[in-house]
PDB file of N, CA and C in Angstrom:
ATOM      1  N   MET A   1      43.854-163.561 132.273  1.00  0.00           N
ATOM      2  CA  MET A   1      44.872-164.482 131.842  1.00  0.00           C
ATOM      3  C   MET A   1      45.899-164.588 132.965  1.00  0.00           C
ATOM      4  N   THR A   2      46.306-165.795 133.289  1.00  0.00           N
ATOM      5  CA  THR A   2      47.323-166.008 134.309  1.00  0.00           C
ATOM      6  C   THR A   2      48.693-166.136 133.649  1.00  0.00           C
ATOM      7  N   ASN A   3      49.729-166.086 134.471  1.00  0.00           N
ATOM      8  CA  ASN A   3      51.094-166.222 133.972  1.00  0.00           C
ATOM      9  C   ASN A   3      51.281-167.559 133.232  1.00  0.00           C
ATOM     10  N   PRO A   4      50.843-168.694 133.799  1.00  0.00           N
ATOM     11  CA  PRO A   4      50.992-169.963 133.067  1.00  0.00           C
ATOM     12  C   PRO A   4      50.253-169.983 131.728  1.00  0.00           C
ATOM     13  N   GLU A   5      49.083-169.346 131.682  1.00  0.00           N
ATOM     14  CA  GLU A   5      48.352-169.277 130.412  1.00  0.00           C
ATOM     15  C   GLU A   5      49.127-168.456 129.385  1.00  0.00           C
ATOM     16  N   TYR A   6      49.709-167.348 129.832  1.00  0.00           N
ATOM     17  CA  TYR A   6      50.523-166.513 128.942  1.00  0.00           C
ATOM     18  C   TYR A   6      51.716-167.311 128.425  1.00  0.00           C
ATOM     19  N   CYS A   7      52.354-168.077 129.326  1.00  0.00           N
ATOM     20  CA  CYS A   7      53.497-168.917 128.928  1.00  0.00           C
ATOM     21  C   CYS A   7      53.093-169.903 127.834  1.00  0.00           C
ATOM     22  N   ARG A   8      51.979-170.573 128.052  1.00  0.00           N
ATOM     23  CA  ARG A   8      51.523-171.591 127.113  1.00  0.00           C
ATOM     24  C   ARG A   8      51.136-170.981 125.772  1.00  0.00           C
ATOM     25  N   LEU A   9      50.386-169.879 125.801  1.00  0.00           N
ATOM     26  CA  LEU A   9      49.916-169.266 124.563  1.00  0.00           C
ATOM     27  C   LEU A   9      51.039-168.645 123.728  1.00  0.00           C
ATOM     28  N   ASN A  10      52.076-168.116 124.412  1.00  0.00           N
ATOM     29  CA  ASN A  10      53.147-167.423 123.704  1.00  0.00           C
ATOM     30  C   ASN A  10      54.444-168.212 123.633  1.00  0.00           C
ATOM     31  N   SER A  11      54.426-169.424 124.138  1.00  0.00           N
ATOM     32  CA  SER A  11      55.610-170.301 124.126  1.00  0.00           C
ATOM     33  C   SER A  11      56.847-169.615 124.705  1.00  0.00           C
ATOM     34  N   VAL A  12      56.672-169.046 125.906  1.00  0.00           N
ATOM     35  CA  VAL A  12      57.777-168.388 126.597  1.00  0.00           C
ATOM     36  C   VAL A  12      57.896-168.967 128.002  1.00  0.00           C
ATOM     37  N   ASP A  13      59.041-168.703 128.652  1.00  0.00           N
ATOM     38  CA  ASP A  13      59.207-169.182 130.020  1.00  0.00           C
ATOM     39  C   ASP A  13      58.519-168.227 130.997  1.00  0.00           C
ATOM     40  N   SER A  14      58.450-168.632 132.265  1.00  0.00           N
ATOM     41  CA  SER A  14      57.739-167.871 133.288  1.00  0.00           C
ATOM     42  C   SER A  14      58.348-166.491 133.530  1.00  0.00           C
ATOM     43  N   VAL A  15      59.672-166.394 133.490  1.00  0.00           N
ATOM     44  CA  VAL A  15      60.337-165.115 133.726  1.00  0.00           C
ATOM     45  C   VAL A  15      59.979-164.116 132.621  1.00  0.00           C
ATOM     46  N   THR A  16      60.008-164.578 131.379  1.00  0.00           N
ATOM     47  CA  THR A  16      59.652-163.722 130.254  1.00  0.00           C
ATOM     48  C   THR A  16      58.187-163.309 130.324  1.00  0.00           C
ATOM     49  N   ALA A  17      57.318-164.250 130.668  1.00  0.00           N
ATOM     50  CA  ALA A  17      55.892-163.948 130.788  1.00  0.00           C
ATOM     51  C   ALA A  17      55.657-162.903 131.868  1.00  0.00           C
ATOM     52  N   THR A  18      56.324-163.045 133.007  1.00  0.00           N
ATOM     53  CA  THR A  18      56.178-162.074 134.094  1.00  0.00           C
ATOM     54  C   THR A  18      56.635-160.692 133.651  1.00  0.00           C
ATOM     55  N   ARG A  19      57.755-160.621 132.960  1.00  0.00           N
ATOM     56  CA  ARG A  19      58.282-159.347 132.476  1.00  0.00           C
ATOM     57  C   ARG A  19      57.326-158.720 131.464  1.00  0.00           C
ATOM     58  N   ASP A  20      56.822-159.529 130.526  1.00  0.00           N
ATOM     59  CA  ASP A  20      55.888-159.026 129.519  1.00  0.00           C
ATOM     60  C   ASP A  20      54.601-158.501 130.160  1.00  0.00           C
ATOM     61  N   LEU A  21      54.027-159.290 131.066  1.00  0.00           N
ATOM     62  CA  LEU A  21      52.788-158.886 131.712  1.00  0.00           C
ATOM     63  C   LEU A  21      52.987-157.645 132.576  1.00  0.00           C
ATOM     64  N   LYS A  22      54.127-157.546 133.241  1.00  0.00           N
ATOM     65  CA  LYS A  22      54.424-156.359 134.048  1.00  0.00           C
ATOM     66  C   LYS A  22      54.490-155.118 133.156  1.00  0.00           C
ATOM     67  N   GLY A  23      55.108-155.258 131.985  1.00  0.00           N
ATOM     68  CA  GLY A  23      55.177-154.149 131.037  1.00  0.00           C
ATOM     69  C   GLY A  23      53.801-153.724 130.559  1.00  0.00           C
ATOM     70  N   LEU A  24      52.924-154.687 130.314  1.00  0.00           N
ATOM     71  CA  LEU A  24      51.564-154.371 129.882  1.00  0.00           C
ATOM     72  C   LEU A  24      50.783-153.659 130.978  1.00  0.00           C
ATOM     73  N   VAL A  25      51.000-154.078 132.234  1.00  0.00           N
ATOM     74  CA  VAL A  25      50.340-153.421 133.367  1.00  0.00           C
ATOM     75  C   VAL A  25      50.839-151.983 133.489  1.00  0.00           C
ATOM     76  N   GLU A  26      52.155-151.794 133.393  1.00  0.00           N
ATOM     77  CA  GLU A  26      52.739-150.456 133.521  1.00  0.00           C
ATOM     78  C   GLU A  26      52.294-149.529 132.390  1.00  0.00           C
ATOM     79  N   SER A  27      52.057-150.083 131.217  1.00  0.00           N
ATOM     80  CA  SER A  27      51.602-149.263 130.088  1.00  0.00           C
ATOM     81  C   SER A  27      50.126-148.908 130.186  1.00  0.00           C
ATOM     82  N   GLY A  28      49.402-149.586 131.081  1.00  0.00           N
ATOM     83  CA  GLY A  28      47.987-149.297 131.266  1.00  0.00           C
ATOM     84  C   GLY A  28      47.064-150.078 130.352  1.00  0.00           C
ATOM     85  N   LEU A  29      47.604-150.991 129.545  1.00  0.00           N
ATOM     86  CA  LEU A  29      46.769-151.782 128.644  1.00  0.00           C
ATOM     87  C   LEU A  29      46.104-152.960 129.345  1.00  0.00           C
ATOM     88  N   VAL A  30      46.730-153.411 130.417  1.00  0.00           N
ATOM     89  CA  VAL A  30      46.252-154.576 131.152  1.00  0.00           C
ATOM     90  C   VAL A  30      46.232-154.216 132.625  1.00  0.00           C
ATOM     91  N   GLU A  31      45.257-154.765 133.362  1.00  0.00           N
ATOM     92  CA  GLU A  31      45.263-154.580 134.806  1.00  0.00           C
ATOM     93  C   GLU A  31      45.472-155.926 135.484  1.00  0.00           C
ATOM     94  N   MET A  32      46.076-155.884 136.662  1.00  0.00           N
ATOM     95  CA  MET A  32      46.369-157.106 137.399  1.00  0.00           C
ATOM     96  C   MET A  32      45.438-157.192 138.596  1.00  0.00           C
ATOM     97  N   LEU A  33      44.734-158.300 138.715  1.00  0.00           N
ATOM     98  CA  LEU A  33      43.882-158.570 139.859  1.00  0.00           C
ATOM     99  C   LEU A  33      44.548-159.663 140.678  1.00  0.00           C
ATOM    100  N   GLY A  34      44.691-159.458 141.967  1.00  0.00           N
ATOM    101  CA  GLY A  34      45.371-160.420 142.819  1.00  0.00           C
ATOM    102  C   GLY A  34      46.866-160.164 142.827  1.00  0.00           C
ATOM    103  N   THR A  35      47.581-161.004 143.527  1.00  0.00           N
ATOM    104  CA  THR A  35      49.028-160.852 143.635  1.00  0.00           C
ATOM    105  C   THR A  35      49.721-162.192 143.475  1.00  0.00           C
ATOM    106  N   ARG A  36      50.962-162.106 143.136  1.00  0.00           N
ATOM    107  CA  ARG A  36      51.863-163.250 143.002  1.00  0.00           C
ATOM    108  C   ARG A  36      51.239-164.382 142.196  1.00  0.00           C
ATOM    109  N   ARG A  37      51.222-165.573 142.738  1.00  0.00           N
ATOM    110  CA  ARG A  37      50.770-166.705 141.932  1.00  0.00           C
ATOM    111  C   ARG A  37      49.266-166.713 141.689  1.00  0.00           C
ATOM    112  N   TRP A  38      48.508-165.858 142.382  1.00  0.00           N
ATOM    113  CA  TRP A  38      47.075-165.767 142.178  1.00  0.00           C
ATOM    114  C   TRP A  38      46.702-164.620 141.250  1.00  0.00           C
ATOM    115  N   ALA A  39      47.689-163.993 140.647  1.00  0.00           N
ATOM    116  CA  ALA A  39      47.432-162.834 139.793  1.00  0.00           C
ATOM    117  C   ALA A  39      46.708-163.252 138.515  1.00  0.00           C
ATOM    118  N   VAL A  40      45.750-162.426 138.129  1.00  0.00           N
ATOM    119  CA  VAL A  40      45.022-162.598 136.879  1.00  0.00           C
ATOM    120  C   VAL A  40      45.100-161.263 136.151  1.00  0.00           C
ATOM    121  N   HIS A  41      45.401-161.312 134.870  1.00  0.00           N
ATOM    122  CA  HIS A  41      45.523-160.098 134.065  1.00  0.00           C
ATOM    123  C   HIS A  41      44.370-160.040 133.078  1.00  0.00           C
ATOM    124  N   ARG A  42      43.853-158.821 132.867  1.00  0.00           N
ATOM    125  CA  ARG A  42      42.798-158.658 131.876  1.00  0.00           C
ATOM    126  C   ARG A  42      42.938-157.301 131.202  1.00  0.00           C
ATOM    127  N   LEU A  43      42.380-157.200 130.008  1.00  0.00           N
ATOM    128  CA  LEU A  43      42.453-155.964 129.230  1.00  0.00           C
ATOM    129  C   LEU A  43      41.676-154.840 129.908  1.00  0.00           C
ATOM    130  N   VAL A  44      42.238-153.678 129.930  1.00  0.00           N
ATOM    131  CA  VAL A  44      41.571-152.507 130.501  1.00  0.00           C
ATOM    132  C   VAL A  44      40.521-151.980 129.543  1.00  0.00           C
ATOM    133  N   LEU A  45      40.699-152.154 128.264  1.00  0.00           N
ATOM    134  CA  LEU A  45      39.766-151.629 127.271  1.00  0.00           C
ATOM    135  C   LEU A  45      38.352-152.134 127.497  1.00  0.00           C
ATOM    136  N   ASN A  46      38.200-153.426 127.822  1.00  0.00           N
ATOM    137  CA  ASN A  46      36.875-153.982 128.054  1.00  0.00           C
ATOM    138  C   ASN A  46      36.223-153.366 129.280  1.00  0.00           C
ATOM    139  N   GLN A  47      37.003-153.161 130.337  1.00  0.00           N
ATOM    140  CA  GLN A  47      36.465-152.575 131.563  1.00  0.00           C
ATOM    141  C   GLN A  47      36.047-151.132 131.322  1.00  0.00           C
ATOM    142  N   ALA A  48      36.846-150.375 130.576  1.00  0.00           N
ATOM    143  CA  ALA A  48      36.525-148.972 130.313  1.00  0.00           C
ATOM    144  C   ALA A  48      35.216-148.860 129.548  1.00  0.00           C
ATOM    145  N   ALA A  49      35.005-149.727 128.584  1.00  0.00           N
ATOM    146  CA  ALA A  49      33.768-149.696 127.819  1.00  0.00           C
ATOM    147  C   ALA A  49      32.578-150.055 128.702  1.00  0.00           C
ATOM    148  N   ALA A  50      32.759-151.027 129.577  1.00  0.00           N
ATOM    149  CA  ALA A  50      31.668-151.447 130.458  1.00  0.00           C
ATOM    150  C   ALA A  50      31.313-150.364 131.467  1.00  0.00           C
ATOM    151  N   GLN A  51      32.297-149.604 131.925  1.00  0.00           N
ATOM    152  CA  GLN A  51      32.038-148.581 132.930  1.00  0.00           C
ATOM    153  C   GLN A  51      31.281-147.388 132.363  1.00  0.00           C
ATOM    154  N   GLN A  52      31.248-147.222 131.065  1.00  0.00           N
ATOM    155  CA  GLN A  52      30.546-146.099 130.467  1.00  0.00           C
ATOM    156  C   GLN A  52      29.038-146.329 130.421  1.00  0.00           C
ATOM    157  N   LEU A  53      28.610-147.549 130.580  1.00  0.00           N
ATOM    158  CA  LEU A  53      27.189-147.860 130.530  1.00  0.00           C
ATOM    159  C   LEU A  53      26.605-147.867 131.937  1.00  0.00           C
ATOM    160  N   PRO A  54      25.386-147.371 132.123  1.00  0.00           N
ATOM    161  CA  PRO A  54      24.771-147.460 133.444  1.00  0.00           C
ATOM    162  C   PRO A  54      24.483-148.916 133.783  1.00  0.00           C
ATOM    163  N   ILE A  55      24.613-149.245 135.037  1.00  0.00           N
ATOM    164  CA  ILE A  55      24.442-150.630 135.473  1.00  0.00           C
ATOM    165  C   ILE A  55      23.096-150.773 136.175  1.00  0.00           C
ATOM    166  N   HIS A  56      22.367-151.813 135.811  1.00  0.00           N
ATOM    167  CA  HIS A  56      21.105-152.124 136.458  1.00  0.00           C
ATOM    168  C   HIS A  56      21.287-153.448 137.189  1.00  0.00           C
ATOM    169  N   LEU A  57      21.064-153.436 138.502  1.00  0.00           N
ATOM    170  CA  LEU A  57      21.323-154.619 139.323  1.00  0.00           C
ATOM    171  C   LEU A  57      20.550-155.843 138.864  1.00  0.00           C
ATOM    172  N   ASP A  58      19.339-155.656 138.375  1.00  0.00           N
ATOM    173  CA  ASP A  58      18.526-156.798 137.951  1.00  0.00           C
ATOM    174  C   ASP A  58      19.186-157.581 136.823  1.00  0.00           C
ATOM    175  N   GLU A  59      19.938-156.891 135.970  1.00  0.00           N
ATOM    176  CA  GLU A  59      20.568-157.531 134.819  1.00  0.00           C
ATOM    177  C   GLU A  59      21.858-158.273 135.185  1.00  0.00           C
ATOM    178  N   LEU A  60      22.418-157.991 136.350  1.00  0.00           N
ATOM    179  CA  LEU A  60      23.725-158.544 136.696  1.00  0.00           C
ATOM    180  C   LEU A  60      23.686-159.949 137.286  1.00  0.00           C
ATOM    181  N   LYS A  61      22.541-160.393 137.742  1.00  0.00           N
ATOM    182  CA  LYS A  61      22.401-161.729 138.339  1.00  0.00           C
ATOM    183  C   LYS A  61      23.403-161.915 139.487  1.00  0.00           C
ATOM    184  N   LEU A  62      23.282-161.062 140.490  1.00  0.00           N
ATOM    185  CA  LEU A  62      24.170-161.124 141.649  1.00  0.00           C
ATOM    186  C   LEU A  62      23.631-162.101 142.686  1.00  0.00           C
ATOM    187  N   ASN A  63      24.539-162.696 143.456  1.00  0.00           N
ATOM    188  CA  ASN A  63      24.110-163.570 144.541  1.00  0.00           C
ATOM    189  C   ASN A  63      23.760-162.704 145.755  1.00  0.00           C
ATOM    190  N   PRO A  64      23.091-163.263 146.764  1.00  0.00           N
ATOM    191  CA  PRO A  64      22.672-162.470 147.931  1.00  0.00           C
ATOM    192  C   PRO A  64      23.842-161.798 148.664  1.00  0.00           C
ATOM    193  N   ARG A  65      24.994-162.444 148.715  1.00  0.00           N
ATOM    194  CA  ARG A  65      26.168-161.833 149.368  1.00  0.00           C
ATOM    195  C   ARG A  65      26.598-160.575 148.625  1.00  0.00           C
ATOM    196  N   GLN A  66      26.605-160.652 147.301  1.00  0.00           N
ATOM    197  CA  GLN A  66      27.010-159.500 146.490  1.00  0.00           C
ATOM    198  C   GLN A  66      26.010-158.347 146.639  1.00  0.00           C
ATOM    199  N   GLU A  67      24.728-158.664 146.667  1.00  0.00           N
ATOM    200  CA  GLU A  67      23.712-157.621 146.849  1.00  0.00           C
ATOM    201  C   GLU A  67      23.878-156.936 148.205  1.00  0.00           C
ATOM    202  N   LEU A  68      24.163-157.723 149.242  1.00  0.00           N
ATOM    203  CA  LEU A  68      24.380-157.162 150.570  1.00  0.00           C
ATOM    204  C   LEU A  68      25.634-156.289 150.595  1.00  0.00           C
ATOM    205  N   ALA A  69      26.670-156.718 149.897  1.00  0.00           N
ATOM    206  CA  ALA A  69      27.905-155.935 149.823  1.00  0.00           C
ATOM    207  C   ALA A  69      27.663-154.594 149.131  1.00  0.00           C
ATOM    208  N   ILE A  70      26.844-154.577 148.099  1.00  0.00           N
ATOM    209  CA  ILE A  70      26.539-153.336 147.395  1.00  0.00           C
ATOM    210  C   ILE A  70      25.786-152.379 148.315  1.00  0.00           C
ATOM    211  N   LYS A  71      24.847-152.911 149.096  1.00  0.00           N
ATOM    212  CA  LYS A  71      24.130-152.071 150.063  1.00  0.00           C
ATOM    213  C   LYS A  71      25.117-151.496 151.083  1.00  0.00           C
ATOM    214  N   TRP A  72      26.057-152.325 151.537  1.00  0.00           N
ATOM    215  CA  TRP A  72      27.079-151.883 152.488  1.00  0.00           C
ATOM    216  C   TRP A  72      27.900-150.736 151.887  1.00  0.00           C
ATOM    217  N   ILE A  73      28.318-150.899 150.643  1.00  0.00           N
ATOM    218  CA  ILE A  73      29.142-149.879 149.978  1.00  0.00           C
ATOM    219  C   ILE A  73      28.363-148.571 149.835  1.00  0.00           C
ATOM    220  N   LYS A  74      27.064-148.663 149.558  1.00  0.00           N
ATOM    221  CA  LYS A  74      26.261-147.440 149.434  1.00  0.00           C
ATOM    222  C   LYS A  74      26.208-146.679 150.757  1.00  0.00           C
ATOM    223  N   ILE A  75      26.236-147.405 151.875  1.00  0.00           N
ATOM    224  CA  ILE A  75      26.175-146.771 153.195  1.00  0.00           C
ATOM    225  C   ILE A  75      27.559-146.310 153.659  1.00  0.00           C
ATOM    226  N   LYS A  76      28.538-147.200 153.575  1.00  0.00           N
ATOM    227  CA  LYS A  76      29.872-146.938 154.139  1.00  0.00           C
ATOM    228  C   LYS A  76      30.890-146.412 153.128  1.00  0.00           C
ATOM    229  N   GLU A  77      30.554-146.409 151.827  1.00  0.00           N
ATOM    230  CA  GLU A  77      31.389-145.922 150.725  1.00  0.00           C
ATOM    231  C   GLU A  77      32.465-146.906 150.259  1.00  0.00           C
ATOM    232  N   PHE A  78      32.807-147.912 151.045  1.00  0.00           N
ATOM    233  CA  PHE A  78      33.777-148.919 150.620  1.00  0.00           C
ATOM    234  C   PHE A  78      33.560-150.198 151.425  1.00  0.00           C
ATOM    235  N   ILE A  79      34.205-151.268 150.976  1.00  0.00           N
ATOM    236  CA  ILE A  79      34.176-152.530 151.708  1.00  0.00           C
ATOM    237  C   ILE A  79      35.543-153.190 151.579  1.00  0.00           C
ATOM    238  N   THR A  80      35.967-153.888 152.619  1.00  0.00           N
ATOM    239  CA  THR A  80      37.211-154.649 152.596  1.00  0.00           C
ATOM    240  C   THR A  80      36.868-156.134 152.505  1.00  0.00           C
ATOM    241  N   SER A  81      37.870-156.960 152.277  1.00  0.00           N
ATOM    242  CA  SER A  81      37.645-158.407 152.212  1.00  0.00           C
ATOM    243  C   SER A  81      37.109-158.943 153.535  1.00  0.00           C
ATOM    244  N   GLN A  82      37.663-158.451 154.634  1.00  0.00           N
ATOM    245  CA  GLN A  82      37.232-158.920 155.956  1.00  0.00           C
ATOM    246  C   GLN A  82      35.778-158.524 156.213  1.00  0.00           C
ATOM    247  N   GLN A  83      35.415-157.306 155.848  1.00  0.00           N
ATOM    248  CA  GLN A  83      34.031-156.873 156.020  1.00  0.00           C
ATOM    249  C   GLN A  83      33.098-157.709 155.148  1.00  0.00           C
ATOM    250  N   TYR A  84      33.535-157.992 153.924  1.00  0.00           N
ATOM    251  CA  TYR A  84      32.718-158.804 153.016  1.00  0.00           C
ATOM    252  C   TYR A  84      32.471-160.178 153.632  1.00  0.00           C
ATOM    253  N   LYS A  85      33.513-160.751 154.192  1.00  0.00           N
ATOM    254  CA  LYS A  85      33.403-162.086 154.787  1.00  0.00           C
ATOM    255  C   LYS A  85      32.440-162.083 155.972  1.00  0.00           C
ATOM    256  N   LEU A  86      32.435-161.010 156.743  1.00  0.00           N
ATOM    257  CA  LEU A  86      31.586-160.931 157.929  1.00  0.00           C
ATOM    258  C   LEU A  86      30.125-160.622 157.605  1.00  0.00           C
ATOM    259  N   LEU A  87      29.834-160.145 156.389  1.00  0.00           N
ATOM    260  CA  LEU A  87      28.456-159.838 156.015  1.00  0.00           C
ATOM    261  C   LEU A  87      27.595-161.093 155.896  1.00  0.00           C
ATOM    262  N   SER A  88      28.202-162.202 155.577  1.00  0.00           N
ATOM    263  CA  SER A  88      27.463-163.439 155.365  1.00  0.00           C
ATOM    264  C   SER A  88      27.000-164.027 156.698  1.00  0.00           C
ATOM    265  N   LYS A  89      25.781-164.557 156.714  1.00  0.00           N
ATOM    266  CA  LYS A  89      25.256-165.191 157.930  1.00  0.00           C
ATOM    267  C   LYS A  89      25.948-166.514 158.200  1.00  0.00           C
ATOM    268  N   THR A  90      26.383-167.169 157.141  1.00  0.00           N
ATOM    269  CA  THR A  90      27.097-168.443 157.288  1.00  0.00           C
ATOM    270  C   THR A  90      28.562-168.231 156.938  1.00  0.00           C
ATOM    271  N   PRO A  91      29.465-169.025 157.508  1.00  0.00           N
ATOM    272  CA  PRO A  91      30.896-168.871 157.191  1.00  0.00           C
ATOM    273  C   PRO A  91      31.160-169.131 155.705  1.00  0.00           C
ATOM    274  N   ILE A  92      31.988-168.275 155.103  1.00  0.00           N
ATOM    275  CA  ILE A  92      32.378-168.469 153.714  1.00  0.00           C
ATOM    276  C   ILE A  92      33.899-168.455 153.622  1.00  0.00           C
ATOM    277  N   SER A  93      34.425-169.157 152.644  1.00  0.00           N
ATOM    278  CA  SER A  93      35.875-169.268 152.491  1.00  0.00           C
ATOM    279  C   SER A  93      36.459-168.022 151.833  1.00  0.00           C
ATOM    280  N   GLU A  94      37.774-167.873 151.967  1.00  0.00           N
ATOM    281  CA  GLU A  94      38.483-166.760 151.328  1.00  0.00           C
ATOM    282  C   GLU A  94      38.329-166.835 149.811  1.00  0.00           C
ATOM    283  N   ILE A  95      38.309-168.053 149.266  1.00  0.00           N
ATOM    284  CA  ILE A  95      38.157-168.236 147.822  1.00  0.00           C
ATOM    285  C   ILE A  95      36.798-167.708 147.356  1.00  0.00           C
ATOM    286  N   THR A  96      35.750-167.993 148.120  1.00  0.00           N
ATOM    287  CA  THR A  96      34.414-167.505 147.769  1.00  0.00           C
ATOM    288  C   THR A  96      34.377-165.985 147.815  1.00  0.00           C
ATOM    289  N   VAL A  97      34.994-165.398 148.838  1.00  0.00           N
ATOM    290  CA  VAL A  97      35.062-163.940 148.945  1.00  0.00           C
ATOM    291  C   VAL A  97      35.771-163.376 147.716  1.00  0.00           C
ATOM    292  N   GLN A  98      36.915-163.958 147.371  1.00  0.00           N
ATOM    293  CA  GLN A  98      37.693-163.481 146.221  1.00  0.00           C
ATOM    294  C   GLN A  98      36.905-163.618 144.915  1.00  0.00           C
ATOM    295  N   ASN A  99      36.249-164.759 144.739  1.00  0.00           N
ATOM    296  CA  ASN A  99      35.462-164.974 143.519  1.00  0.00           C
ATOM    297  C   ASN A  99      34.305-163.982 143.413  1.00  0.00           C
ATOM    298  N   ASP A 100      33.606-163.739 144.523  1.00  0.00           N
ATOM    299  CA  ASP A 100      32.500-162.778 144.518  1.00  0.00           C
ATOM    300  C   ASP A 100      33.000-161.381 144.166  1.00  0.00           C
ATOM    301  N   LYS A 101      34.102-160.963 144.792  1.00  0.00           N
ATOM    302  CA  LYS A 101      34.632-159.625 144.528  1.00  0.00           C
ATOM    303  C   LYS A 101      35.127-159.504 143.090  1.00  0.00           C
ATOM    304  N   ASN A 102      35.827-160.513 142.601  1.00  0.00           N
ATOM    305  CA  ASN A 102      36.306-160.486 141.213  1.00  0.00           C
ATOM    306  C   ASN A 102      35.134-160.389 140.237  1.00  0.00           C
ATOM    307  N   ASP A 103      34.044-161.076 140.540  1.00  0.00           N
ATOM    308  CA  ASP A 103      32.857-161.022 139.695  1.00  0.00           C
ATOM    309  C   ASP A 103      32.282-159.601 139.671  1.00  0.00           C
ATOM    310  N   LEU A 104      32.221-158.956 140.830  1.00  0.00           N
ATOM    311  CA  LEU A 104      31.720-157.582 140.895  1.00  0.00           C
ATOM    312  C   LEU A 104      32.640-156.619 140.145  1.00  0.00           C
ATOM    313  N   VAL A 105      33.949-156.843 140.236  1.00  0.00           N
ATOM    314  CA  VAL A 105      34.911-155.998 139.513  1.00  0.00           C
ATOM    315  C   VAL A 105      34.738-156.193 138.010  1.00  0.00           C
ATOM    316  N   GLU A 106      34.626-157.444 137.569  1.00  0.00           N
ATOM    317  CA  GLU A 106      34.465-157.733 136.138  1.00  0.00           C
ATOM    318  C   GLU A 106      33.171-157.153 135.575  1.00  0.00           C
ATOM    319  N   LYS A 107      32.126-157.107 136.409  1.00  0.00           N
ATOM    320  CA  LYS A 107      30.853-156.559 135.959  1.00  0.00           C
ATOM    321  C   LYS A 107      30.837-155.034 136.027  1.00  0.00           C
ATOM    322  N   GLY A 108      31.927-154.447 136.535  1.00  0.00           N
ATOM    323  CA  GLY A 108      32.029-152.994 136.578  1.00  0.00           C
ATOM    324  C   GLY A 108      31.296-152.334 137.725  1.00  0.00           C
ATOM    325  N   VAL A 109      30.911-153.098 138.743  1.00  0.00           N
ATOM    326  CA  VAL A 109      30.167-152.555 139.867  1.00  0.00           C
ATOM    327  C   VAL A 109      31.098-151.890 140.881  1.00  0.00           C
ATOM    328  N   ILE A 110      32.246-152.524 141.154  1.00  0.00           N
ATOM    329  CA  ILE A 110      33.195-151.984 142.131  1.00  0.00           C
ATOM    330  C   ILE A 110      34.588-151.887 141.521  1.00  0.00           C
ATOM    331  N   THR A 111      35.429-151.078 142.169  1.00  0.00           N
ATOM    332  CA  THR A 111      36.812-150.896 141.737  1.00  0.00           C
ATOM    333  C   THR A 111      37.728-151.133 142.932  1.00  0.00           C
ATOM    334  N   PRO A 112      38.768-151.981 142.769  1.00  0.00           N
ATOM    335  CA  PRO A 112      39.710-152.175 143.875  1.00  0.00           C
ATOM    336  C   PRO A 112      40.688-151.006 143.975  1.00  0.00           C
ATOM    337  N   ILE A 113      40.952-150.571 145.191  1.00  0.00           N
ATOM    338  CA  ILE A 113      41.916-149.518 145.465  1.00  0.00           C
ATOM    339  C   ILE A 113      42.891-150.063 146.499  1.00  0.00           C
ATOM    340  N   GLY A 114      44.186-150.008 146.205  1.00  0.00           N
ATOM    341  CA  GLY A 114      45.196-150.527 147.130  1.00  0.00           C
ATOM    342  C   GLY A 114      45.660-151.900 146.712  1.00  0.00           C
ATOM    343  N   HIS A 115      46.493-152.508 147.555  1.00  0.00           N
ATOM    344  CA  HIS A 115      47.055-153.821 147.252  1.00  0.00           C
ATOM    345  C   HIS A 115      46.995-154.723 148.473  1.00  0.00           C
ATOM    346  N   ALA A 116      46.929-156.009 148.199  1.00  0.00           N
ATOM    347  CA  ALA A 116      46.983-157.059 149.220  1.00  0.00           C
ATOM    348  C   ALA A 116      45.939-156.814 150.311  1.00  0.00           C
ATOM    349  N   ARG A 117      46.363-156.874 151.577  1.00  0.00           N
ATOM    350  CA  ARG A 117      45.415-156.779 152.684  1.00  0.00           C
ATOM    351  C   ARG A 117      44.814-155.391 152.859  1.00  0.00           C
ATOM    352  N   SER A 118      45.419-154.392 152.272  1.00  0.00           N
ATOM    353  CA  SER A 118      44.897-153.032 152.424  1.00  0.00           C
ATOM    354  C   SER A 118      43.929-152.652 151.304  1.00  0.00           C
ATOM    355  N   THR A 119      43.543-153.588 150.459  1.00  0.00           N
ATOM    356  CA  THR A 119      42.641-153.291 149.346  1.00  0.00           C
ATOM    357  C   THR A 119      41.244-152.961 149.849  1.00  0.00           C
ATOM    358  N   ARG A 120      40.710-151.871 149.329  1.00  0.00           N
ATOM    359  CA  ARG A 120      39.330-151.482 149.583  1.00  0.00           C
ATOM    360  C   ARG A 120      38.611-151.483 148.246  1.00  0.00           C
ATOM    361  N   TYR A 121      37.341-151.754 148.281  1.00  0.00           N
ATOM    362  CA  TYR A 121      36.553-151.803 147.059  1.00  0.00           C
ATOM    363  C   TYR A 121      35.515-150.690 147.107  1.00  0.00           C
ATOM    364  N   LEU A 122      35.566-149.810 146.104  1.00  0.00           N
ATOM    365  CA  LEU A 122      34.676-148.667 146.021  1.00  0.00           C
ATOM    366  C   LEU A 122      33.655-148.871 144.906  1.00  0.00           C
ATOM    367  N   GLN A 123      32.523-148.230 145.026  1.00  0.00           N
ATOM    368  CA  GLN A 123      31.530-148.264 143.967  1.00  0.00           C
ATOM    369  C   GLN A 123      32.041-147.450 142.796  1.00  0.00           C
ATOM    370  N   ASN A 124      31.899-147.962 141.583  1.00  0.00           N
ATOM    371  CA  ASN A 124      32.288-147.190 140.386  1.00  0.00           C
ATOM    372  C   ASN A 124      31.390-145.968 140.261  1.00  0.00           C
ATOM    373  N   ASP A 125      31.945-144.891 139.730  1.00  0.00           N
ATOM    374  CA  ASP A 125      31.194-143.645 139.587  1.00  0.00           C
ATOM    375  C   ASP A 125      29.936-143.819 138.751  1.00  0.00           C
ATOM    376  N   SER A 126      30.054-144.583 137.657  1.00  0.00           N
ATOM    377  CA  SER A 126      28.904-144.752 136.765  1.00  0.00           C
ATOM    378  C   SER A 126      28.019-145.927 137.167  1.00  0.00           C
ATOM    379  N   ALA A 127      28.422-146.625 138.213  1.00  0.00           N
ATOM    380  CA  ALA A 127      27.700-147.842 138.587  1.00  0.00           C
ATOM    381  C   ALA A 127      26.484-147.542 139.458  1.00  0.00           C
ATOM    382  N   LEU A 128      25.477-148.353 139.302  1.00  0.00           N
ATOM    383  CA  LEU A 128      24.333-148.394 140.186  1.00  0.00           C
ATOM    384  C   LEU A 128      23.557-147.093 140.276  1.00  0.00           C
ATOM    385  N   GLY A 129      23.524-146.389 139.183  1.00  0.00           N
ATOM    386  CA  GLY A 129      22.718-145.188 139.136  1.00  0.00           C
ATOM    387  C   GLY A 129      23.327-144.094 139.836  1.00  0.00           C
TER     388      GLY A 129
END
C-alpha cells in the first residue's frame, strides 16, 4: 500500500498517513519497501507465514534475470541493485531491477538489508532449500 492509497482508503491527509504508516513500521506490523515517494508498505504477517514454507523455484515462475540473481546470491551470499543490473546481457532499466527485486522479496526468496543505495539482498534462511 502506498501513502496515497492509505490517504484515499482512510480519508486522511498525506501528513497523517505518513505518521500512521511510520507508526505501523516502528511497531513491526508493516514493513516499508523503497523510500520516500516510492515507498510501498505491506503486512509483515503475510511474509512471516510465507517464509516458514520451503520454497521450490519451479513453483515461483521466475524470469531468467531472477534465476541468474539467485545463482549469484548462492555463490556470493548477497546481491546489490548495481550487480543485479549488470547480470543482464541486455540493458535493463532501474524500474525493471526494482520490480524484479520486489517480486523476489514478496515471494520470500530474498530479504533486503540496509537502506537506499547501500541495500543488499540476502537469501532467506528457509528459502531455496
